[in-house]
PDB file of all heavy atoms in Angstrom:
ATOM      1  N   LYS A   1       4.087  10.238 -11.651  1.00  0.00           N
ATOM      2  CA  LYS A   1       3.712   9.653 -10.364  1.00  0.00           C
ATOM      3  C   LYS A   1       2.476  10.358  -9.839  1.00  0.00           C
ATOM      4  O   LYS A   1       2.352  11.575  -9.945  1.00  0.00           O
ATOM      5  CB  LYS A   1       4.847   9.799  -9.356  1.00  0.00           C
ATOM      6  CG  LYS A   1       4.482   9.248  -7.989  1.00  0.00           C
ATOM      7  CD  LYS A   1       5.691   9.020  -7.141  1.00  0.00           C
ATOM      8  CE  LYS A   1       5.336   8.400  -5.811  1.00  0.00           C
ATOM      9  NZ  LYS A   1       4.718   7.101  -5.917  1.00  0.00           N
ATOM     10  N   VAL A   2       1.582   9.588  -9.255  1.00  0.00           N
ATOM     11  CA  VAL A   2       0.438  10.155  -8.556  1.00  0.00           C
ATOM     12  C   VAL A   2       0.939  10.614  -7.186  1.00  0.00           C
ATOM     13  O   VAL A   2       1.556   9.845  -6.445  1.00  0.00           O
ATOM     14  CB  VAL A   2      -0.695   9.117  -8.394  1.00  0.00           C
ATOM     15  CG1 VAL A   2      -1.822   9.666  -7.545  1.00  0.00           C
ATOM     16  CG2 VAL A   2      -1.214   8.696  -9.759  1.00  0.00           C
ATOM     17  N   ILE A   3       0.688  11.874  -6.875  1.00  0.00           N
ATOM     18  CA  ILE A   3       1.148  12.461  -5.611  1.00  0.00           C
ATOM     19  C   ILE A   3      -0.058  12.628  -4.692  1.00  0.00           C
ATOM     20  O   ILE A   3      -0.973  13.385  -5.001  1.00  0.00           O
ATOM     21  CB  ILE A   3       1.824  13.837  -5.842  1.00  0.00           C
ATOM     22  CG1 ILE A   3       2.960  13.732  -6.858  1.00  0.00           C
ATOM     23  CG2 ILE A   3       2.288  14.435  -4.528  1.00  0.00           C
ATOM     24  CD1 ILE A   3       4.121  12.898  -6.419  1.00  0.00           C
ATOM     25  N   ARG A   4      -0.039  11.889  -3.589  1.00  0.00           N
ATOM     26  CA  ARG A   4      -1.127  11.989  -2.611  1.00  0.00           C
ATOM     27  C   ARG A   4      -0.669  12.605  -1.292  1.00  0.00           C
ATOM     28  O   ARG A   4      -1.474  13.011  -0.477  1.00  0.00           O
ATOM     29  CB  ARG A   4      -1.716  10.609  -2.365  1.00  0.00           C
ATOM     30  CG  ARG A   4      -2.428  10.055  -3.572  1.00  0.00           C
ATOM     31  CD  ARG A   4      -3.182   8.770  -3.226  1.00  0.00           C
ATOM     32  NE  ARG A   4      -3.976   8.348  -4.365  1.00  0.00           N
ATOM     33  CZ  ARG A   4      -3.573   7.471  -5.267  1.00  0.00           C
ATOM     34  NH1 ARG A   4      -2.378   6.916  -5.171  1.00  0.00           N
ATOM     35  NH2 ARG A   4      -4.354   7.139  -6.271  1.00  0.00           N
ATOM     36  N   ASN A   5       0.667  12.596  -1.077  1.00  0.00           N
ATOM     37  CA  ASN A   5       1.187  13.107   0.192  1.00  0.00           C
ATOM     38  C   ASN A   5       2.666  13.472   0.023  1.00  0.00           C
ATOM     39  O   ASN A   5       3.239  13.291  -1.052  1.00  0.00           O
ATOM     40  CB  ASN A   5       0.999  12.080   1.310  1.00  0.00           C
ATOM     41  CG  ASN A   5       1.535  10.719   0.914  1.00  0.00           C
ATOM     42  OD1 ASN A   5       2.641  10.609   0.396  1.00  0.00           O
ATOM     43  ND2 ASN A   5       0.746   9.680   1.157  1.00  0.00           N
ATOM     44  N   VAL A   6       3.262  13.959   1.083  1.00  0.00           N
ATOM     45  CA  VAL A   6       4.654  14.393   1.049  1.00  0.00           C
ATOM     46  C   VAL A   6       5.583  13.215   0.751  1.00  0.00           C
ATOM     47  O   VAL A   6       6.581  13.364   0.049  1.00  0.00           O
ATOM     48  CB  VAL A   6       5.038  15.085   2.375  1.00  0.00           C
ATOM     49  CG1 VAL A   6       6.525  15.396   2.427  1.00  0.00           C
ATOM     50  CG2 VAL A   6       4.230  16.356   2.555  1.00  0.00           C
ATOM     51  N   SER A   7       5.261  12.053   1.240  1.00  0.00           N
ATOM     52  CA  SER A   7       6.082  10.858   0.971  1.00  0.00           C
ATOM     53  C   SER A   7       6.147  10.568  -0.525  1.00  0.00           C
ATOM     54  O   SER A   7       7.209  10.215  -1.050  1.00  0.00           O
ATOM     55  CB  SER A   7       5.517   9.657   1.725  1.00  0.00           C
ATOM     56  OG  SER A   7       6.236   8.500   1.401  1.00  0.00           O
ATOM     57  N   ASP A   8       5.016  10.720  -1.218  1.00  0.00           N
ATOM     58  CA  ASP A   8       4.996  10.535  -2.674  1.00  0.00           C
ATOM     59  C   ASP A   8       5.892  11.559  -3.364  1.00  0.00           C
ATOM     60  O   ASP A   8       6.599  11.243  -4.317  1.00  0.00           O
ATOM     61  CB  ASP A   8       3.569  10.644  -3.221  1.00  0.00           C
ATOM     62  CG  ASP A   8       2.703   9.447  -2.864  1.00  0.00           C
ATOM     63  OD1 ASP A   8       3.256   8.383  -2.536  1.00  0.00           O
ATOM     64  OD2 ASP A   8       1.466   9.593  -2.923  1.00  0.00           O
ATOM     65  N   GLN A   9       5.862  12.795  -2.878  1.00  0.00           N
ATOM     66  CA  GLN A   9       6.727  13.839  -3.436  1.00  0.00           C
ATOM     67  C   GLN A   9       8.193  13.475  -3.254  1.00  0.00           C
ATOM     68  O   GLN A   9       8.995  13.635  -4.165  1.00  0.00           O
ATOM     69  CB  GLN A   9       6.458  15.173  -2.753  1.00  0.00           C
ATOM     70  CG  GLN A   9       5.177  15.840  -3.155  1.00  0.00           C
ATOM     71  CD  GLN A   9       5.018  17.142  -2.420  1.00  0.00           C
ATOM     72  OE1 GLN A   9       4.677  17.137  -1.245  1.00  0.00           O
ATOM     73  NE2 GLN A   9       5.276  18.239  -3.100  1.00  0.00           N
ATOM     74  N   GLN A  10       8.541  12.985  -2.084  1.00  0.00           N
ATOM     75  CA  GLN A  10       9.926  12.611  -1.804  1.00  0.00           C
ATOM     76  C   GLN A  10      10.379  11.460  -2.694  1.00  0.00           C
ATOM     77  O   GLN A  10      11.516  11.434  -3.167  1.00  0.00           O
ATOM     78  CB  GLN A  10      10.090  12.255  -0.328  1.00  0.00           C
ATOM     79  CG  GLN A  10       9.916  13.453   0.583  1.00  0.00           C
ATOM     80  CD  GLN A  10       9.803  13.078   2.046  1.00  0.00           C
ATOM     81  OE1 GLN A  10       9.556  11.930   2.408  1.00  0.00           O
ATOM     82  NE2 GLN A  10       9.964  14.072   2.918  1.00  0.00           N
ATOM     83  N   LYS A  11       9.488  10.502  -2.938  1.00  0.00           N
ATOM     84  CA  LYS A  11       9.836   9.380  -3.811  1.00  0.00           C
ATOM     85  C   LYS A  11      10.064   9.859  -5.246  1.00  0.00           C
ATOM     86  O   LYS A  11      10.992   9.409  -5.911  1.00  0.00           O
ATOM     87  CB  LYS A  11       8.735   8.318  -3.775  1.00  0.00           C
ATOM     88  CG  LYS A  11       8.686   7.559  -2.471  1.00  0.00           C
ATOM     89  CD  LYS A  11       7.534   6.578  -2.451  1.00  0.00           C
ATOM     90  CE  LYS A  11       7.426   5.897  -1.111  1.00  0.00           C
ATOM     91  NZ  LYS A  11       6.249   5.025  -1.031  1.00  0.00           N
ATOM     92  N   LEU A  12       9.217  10.777  -5.709  1.00  0.00           N
ATOM     93  CA  LEU A  12       9.399  11.322  -7.055  1.00  0.00           C
ATOM     94  C   LEU A  12      10.714  12.088  -7.147  1.00  0.00           C
ATOM     95  O   LEU A  12      11.457  11.956  -8.121  1.00  0.00           O
ATOM     96  CB  LEU A  12       8.222  12.207  -7.449  1.00  0.00           C
ATOM     97  CG  LEU A  12       8.289  12.827  -8.840  1.00  0.00           C
ATOM     98  CD1 LEU A  12       8.438  11.752  -9.920  1.00  0.00           C
ATOM     99  CD2 LEU A  12       7.058  13.680  -9.103  1.00  0.00           C
ATOM    100  N   GLN A  13      11.033  12.878  -6.128  1.00  0.00           N
ATOM    101  CA  GLN A  13      12.311  13.586  -6.109  1.00  0.00           C
ATOM    102  C   GLN A  13      13.474  12.590  -6.126  1.00  0.00           C
ATOM    103  O   GLN A  13      14.478  12.812  -6.797  1.00  0.00           O
ATOM    104  CB  GLN A  13      12.415  14.504  -4.886  1.00  0.00           C
ATOM    105  CG  GLN A  13      13.699  15.314  -4.838  1.00  0.00           C
ATOM    106  CD  GLN A  13      13.827  16.315  -5.979  1.00  0.00           C
ATOM    107  OE1 GLN A  13      12.978  17.174  -6.146  1.00  0.00           O
ATOM    108  NE2 GLN A  13      14.877  16.200  -6.763  1.00  0.00           N
ATOM    109  N   SER A  14      13.333  11.470  -5.426  1.00  0.00           N
ATOM    110  CA  SER A  14      14.382  10.436  -5.425  1.00  0.00           C
ATOM    111  C   SER A  14      14.579   9.851  -6.814  1.00  0.00           C
ATOM    112  O   SER A  14      15.713   9.599  -7.238  1.00  0.00           O
ATOM    113  CB  SER A  14      14.034   9.322  -4.435  1.00  0.00           C
ATOM    114  OG  SER A  14      14.052   9.798  -3.124  1.00  0.00           O
ATOM    115  N   VAL A  15      13.493   9.643  -7.540  1.00  0.00           N
ATOM    116  CA  VAL A  15      13.598   9.134  -8.911  1.00  0.00           C
ATOM    117  C   VAL A  15      14.283  10.175  -9.796  1.00  0.00           C
ATOM    118  O   VAL A  15      15.152   9.836 -10.610  1.00  0.00           O
ATOM    119  CB  VAL A  15      12.214   8.743  -9.472  1.00  0.00           C
ATOM    120  CG1 VAL A  15      12.285   8.430 -10.955  1.00  0.00           C
ATOM    121  CG2 VAL A  15      11.651   7.555  -8.700  1.00  0.00           C
ATOM    122  N   MET A  16      13.914  11.439  -9.629  1.00  0.00           N
ATOM    123  CA  MET A  16      14.564  12.501 -10.408  1.00  0.00           C
ATOM    124  C   MET A  16      16.059  12.560 -10.094  1.00  0.00           C
ATOM    125  O   MET A  16      16.880  12.720 -11.002  1.00  0.00           O
ATOM    126  CB  MET A  16      13.909  13.854 -10.107  1.00  0.00           C
ATOM    127  CG  MET A  16      12.513  13.970 -10.663  1.00  0.00           C
ATOM    128  SD  MET A  16      11.696  15.497 -10.172  1.00  0.00           S
ATOM    129  CE  MET A  16      12.826  16.725 -10.764  1.00  0.00           C
ATOM    130  N   ASN A  17      16.423  12.405  -8.828  1.00  0.00           N
ATOM    131  CA  ASN A  17      17.839  12.399  -8.446  1.00  0.00           C
ATOM    132  C   ASN A  17      18.562  11.224  -9.098  1.00  0.00           C
ATOM    133  O   ASN A  17      19.692  11.366  -9.577  1.00  0.00           O
ATOM    134  CB  ASN A  17      17.994  12.325  -6.931  1.00  0.00           C
ATOM    135  CG  ASN A  17      17.476  13.556  -6.230  1.00  0.00           C
ATOM    136  OD1 ASN A  17      17.277  14.606  -6.838  1.00  0.00           O
ATOM    137  ND2 ASN A  17      17.238  13.436  -4.936  1.00  0.00           N
ATOM    138  N   LEU A  18      17.907  10.076  -9.134  1.00  0.00           N
ATOM    139  CA  LEU A  18      18.512   8.905  -9.763  1.00  0.00           C
ATOM    140  C   LEU A  18      18.753   9.149 -11.248  1.00  0.00           C
ATOM    141  O   LEU A  18      19.819   8.820 -11.767  1.00  0.00           O
ATOM    142  CB  LEU A  18      17.620   7.671  -9.576  1.00  0.00           C
ATOM    143  CG  LEU A  18      18.120   6.445 -10.285  1.00  0.00           C
ATOM    144  CD1 LEU A  18      18.315   5.292  -9.337  1.00  0.00           C
ATOM    145  CD2 LEU A  18      17.186   6.062 -11.402  1.00  0.00           C
ATOM    146  N   VAL A  19      17.779   9.730 -11.934  1.00  0.00           N
ATOM    147  CA  VAL A  19      17.928  10.024 -13.366  1.00  0.00           C
ATOM    148  C   VAL A  19      19.087  10.994 -13.583  1.00  0.00           C
ATOM    149  O   VAL A  19      19.911  10.802 -14.483  1.00  0.00           O
ATOM    150  CB  VAL A  19      16.616  10.585 -13.962  1.00  0.00           C
ATOM    151  CG1 VAL A  19      16.834  11.139 -15.358  1.00  0.00           C
ATOM    152  CG2 VAL A  19      15.541   9.508 -13.970  1.00  0.00           C
ATOM    153  N   LYS A  20      19.195  12.008 -12.740  1.00  0.00           N
ATOM    154  CA  LYS A  20      20.295  12.967 -12.865  1.00  0.00           C
ATOM    155  C   LYS A  20      21.638  12.289 -12.618  1.00  0.00           C
ATOM    156  O   LYS A  20      22.596  12.476 -13.371  1.00  0.00           O
ATOM    157  CB  LYS A  20      20.080  14.125 -11.884  1.00  0.00           C
ATOM    158  CG  LYS A  20      21.216  15.125 -11.853  1.00  0.00           C
ATOM    159  CD  LYS A  20      21.342  15.879 -13.158  1.00  0.00           C
ATOM    160  CE  LYS A  20      22.334  17.007 -13.024  1.00  0.00           C
ATOM    161  NZ  LYS A  20      23.496  16.860 -13.870  1.00  0.00           N
ATOM    162  N   ASN A  21      21.739  11.469 -11.579  1.00  0.00           N
ATOM    163  CA  ASN A  21      22.986  10.765 -11.283  1.00  0.00           C
ATOM    164  C   ASN A  21      23.339   9.796 -12.405  1.00  0.00           C
ATOM    165  O   ASN A  21      24.507   9.670 -12.790  1.00  0.00           O
ATOM    166  CB  ASN A  21      22.891  10.031  -9.946  1.00  0.00           C
ATOM    167  CG  ASN A  21      22.825  10.977  -8.779  1.00  0.00           C
ATOM    168  OD1 ASN A  21      23.257  12.120  -8.861  1.00  0.00           O
ATOM    169  ND2 ASN A  21      22.266  10.518  -7.684  1.00  0.00           N
ATOM    170  N   TRP A  22      22.338   9.093 -12.937  1.00  0.00           N
ATOM    171  CA  TRP A  22      22.552   8.155 -14.044  1.00  0.00           C
ATOM    172  C   TRP A  22      23.088   8.910 -15.258  1.00  0.00           C
ATOM    173  O   TRP A  22      24.039   8.477 -15.893  1.00  0.00           O
ATOM    174  CB  TRP A  22      21.243   7.442 -14.380  1.00  0.00           C
ATOM    175  CG  TRP A  22      21.330   6.493 -15.519  1.00  0.00           C
ATOM    176  CD1 TRP A  22      21.601   5.161 -15.471  1.00  0.00           C
ATOM    177  CD2 TRP A  22      21.142   6.803 -16.911  1.00  0.00           C
ATOM    178  NE1 TRP A  22      21.601   4.624 -16.741  1.00  0.00           N
ATOM    179  CE2 TRP A  22      21.317   5.614 -17.636  1.00  0.00           C
ATOM    180  CE3 TRP A  22      20.843   7.965 -17.613  1.00  0.00           C
ATOM    181  CZ2 TRP A  22      21.211   5.560 -19.025  1.00  0.00           C
ATOM    182  CZ3 TRP A  22      20.738   7.911 -18.986  1.00  0.00           C
ATOM    183  CH2 TRP A  22      20.920   6.714 -19.679  1.00  0.00           C
ATOM    184  N   SER A  23      22.471  10.047 -15.588  1.00  0.00           N
ATOM    185  CA  SER A  23      22.918  10.808 -16.756  1.00  0.00           C
ATOM    186  C   SER A  23      24.335  11.347 -16.566  1.00  0.00           C
ATOM    187  O   SER A  23      25.121  11.371 -17.502  1.00  0.00           O
ATOM    188  CB  SER A  23      21.935  11.937 -17.085  1.00  0.00           C
ATOM    189  OG  SER A  23      21.980  12.937 -16.104  1.00  0.00           O
ATOM    190  N   ASP A  24      24.669  11.771 -15.349  1.00  0.00           N
ATOM    191  CA  ASP A  24      26.029  12.241 -15.072  1.00  0.00           C
ATOM    192  C   ASP A  24      27.031  11.089 -15.225  1.00  0.00           C
ATOM    193  O   ASP A  24      28.098  11.267 -15.811  1.00  0.00           O
ATOM    194  CB  ASP A  24      26.133  12.823 -13.665  1.00  0.00           C
ATOM    195  CG  ASP A  24      25.421  14.155 -13.521  1.00  0.00           C
ATOM    196  OD1 ASP A  24      25.071  14.774 -14.555  1.00  0.00           O
ATOM    197  OD2 ASP A  24      25.191  14.571 -12.368  1.00  0.00           O
ATOM    198  N   GLU A  25      26.672   9.924 -14.698  1.00  0.00           N
ATOM    199  CA  GLU A  25      27.568   8.764 -14.763  1.00  0.00           C
ATOM    200  C   GLU A  25      27.843   8.345 -16.211  1.00  0.00           C
ATOM    201  O   GLU A  25      28.959   7.988 -16.566  1.00  0.00           O
ATOM    202  CB  GLU A  25      26.951   7.591 -13.997  1.00  0.00           C
ATOM    203  CG  GLU A  25      27.773   6.335 -14.029  1.00  0.00           C
ATOM    204  CD  GLU A  25      27.111   5.186 -13.295  1.00  0.00           C
ATOM    205  OE1 GLU A  25      26.241   5.434 -12.425  1.00  0.00           O
ATOM    206  OE2 GLU A  25      27.449   4.029 -13.592  1.00  0.00           O
ATOM    207  N   TRP A  26      26.811   8.407 -17.056  1.00  0.00           N
ATOM    208  CA  TRP A  26      26.948   7.983 -18.455  1.00  0.00           C
ATOM    209  C   TRP A  26      27.265   9.139 -19.398  1.00  0.00           C
ATOM    210  O   TRP A  26      27.222   8.985 -20.618  1.00  0.00           O
ATOM    211  CB  TRP A  26      25.682   7.248 -18.907  1.00  0.00           C
ATOM    212  CG  TRP A  26      25.580   5.917 -18.245  1.00  0.00           C
ATOM    213  CD1 TRP A  26      24.776   5.573 -17.190  1.00  0.00           C
ATOM    214  CD2 TRP A  26      26.319   4.743 -18.577  1.00  0.00           C
ATOM    215  NE1 TRP A  26      24.980   4.273 -16.850  1.00  0.00           N
ATOM    216  CE2 TRP A  26      25.917   3.732 -17.690  1.00  0.00           C
ATOM    217  CE3 TRP A  26      27.289   4.456 -19.530  1.00  0.00           C
ATOM    218  CZ2 TRP A  26      26.447   2.449 -17.729  1.00  0.00           C
ATOM    219  CZ3 TRP A  26      27.819   3.174 -19.577  1.00  0.00           C
ATOM    220  CH2 TRP A  26      27.403   2.198 -18.683  1.00  0.00           C
ATOM    221  N   LEU A  27      27.588  10.310 -18.834  1.00  0.00           N
ATOM    222  CA  LEU A  27      27.978  11.489 -19.620  1.00  0.00           C
ATOM    223  C   LEU A  27      26.914  11.887 -20.642  1.00  0.00           C
ATOM    224  O   LEU A  27      27.218  12.292 -21.760  1.00  0.00           O
ATOM    225  CB  LEU A  27      29.322  11.252 -20.318  1.00  0.00           C
ATOM    226  CG  LEU A  27      30.475  10.850 -19.408  1.00  0.00           C
ATOM    227  CD1 LEU A  27      31.713  10.529 -20.223  1.00  0.00           C
ATOM    228  CD2 LEU A  27      30.755  11.910 -18.359  1.00  0.00           C
ATOM    229  N   LEU A  28      25.667  11.764 -20.240  1.00  0.00           N
ATOM    230  CA  LEU A  28      24.538  12.141 -21.082  1.00  0.00           C
ATOM    231  C   LEU A  28      23.926  13.402 -20.471  1.00  0.00           C
ATOM    232  O   LEU A  28      23.209  13.345 -19.487  1.00  0.00           O
ATOM    233  CB  LEU A  28      23.508  11.006 -21.126  1.00  0.00           C
ATOM    234  CG  LEU A  28      22.358  11.164 -22.082  1.00  0.00           C
ATOM    235  CD1 LEU A  28      22.866  11.169 -23.524  1.00  0.00           C
ATOM    236  CD2 LEU A  28      21.367  10.032 -21.894  1.00  0.00           C
ATOM    237  N   GLU A  29      24.256  14.541 -21.051  1.00  0.00           N
ATOM    238  CA  GLU A  29      23.834  15.815 -20.483  1.00  0.00           C
ATOM    239  C   GLU A  29      22.334  16.032 -20.650  1.00  0.00           C
ATOM    240  O   GLU A  29      21.789  15.871 -21.736  1.00  0.00           O
ATOM    241  CB  GLU A  29      24.596  16.954 -21.162  1.00  0.00           C
ATOM    242  CG  GLU A  29      24.354  18.297 -20.529  1.00  0.00           C
ATOM    243  CD  GLU A  29      25.178  19.391 -21.175  1.00  0.00           C
ATOM    244  OE1 GLU A  29      26.185  19.088 -21.825  1.00  0.00           O
ATOM    245  OE2 GLU A  29      24.788  20.559 -21.023  1.00  0.00           O
ATOM    246  N   LEU A  30      21.679  16.398 -19.555  1.00  0.00           N
ATOM    247  CA  LEU A  30      20.254  16.722 -19.601  1.00  0.00           C
ATOM    248  C   LEU A  30      20.086  18.187 -19.981  1.00  0.00           C
ATOM    249  O   LEU A  30      20.837  19.041 -19.516  1.00  0.00           O
ATOM    250  CB  LEU A  30      19.605  16.488 -18.236  1.00  0.00           C
ATOM    251  CG  LEU A  30      19.620  15.067 -17.699  1.00  0.00           C
ATOM    252  CD1 LEU A  30      19.019  15.037 -16.304  1.00  0.00           C
ATOM    253  CD2 LEU A  30      18.859  14.139 -18.631  1.00  0.00           C
ATOM    254  N   ASN A  31      19.091  18.464 -20.815  1.00  0.00           N
ATOM    255  CA  ASN A  31      18.789  19.841 -21.170  1.00  0.00           C
ATOM    256  C   ASN A  31      17.772  20.362 -20.149  1.00  0.00           C
ATOM    257  O   ASN A  31      16.567  20.256 -20.331  1.00  0.00           O
ATOM    258  CB  ASN A  31      18.235  19.922 -22.592  1.00  0.00           C
ATOM    259  CG  ASN A  31      18.065  21.349 -23.043  1.00  0.00           C
ATOM    260  OD1 ASN A  31      18.073  22.278 -22.245  1.00  0.00           O
ATOM    261  ND2 ASN A  31      17.917  21.530 -24.340  1.00  0.00           N
TER     262      ASN A  31
END
């Protein structure tokens, strides 16, 4: 993601949270 401001950072963190939640739900452990 291109980060231009704090809002962009928050959106990227939200995507990272989604990936973590998705991996937990599907029992796919992240390294």
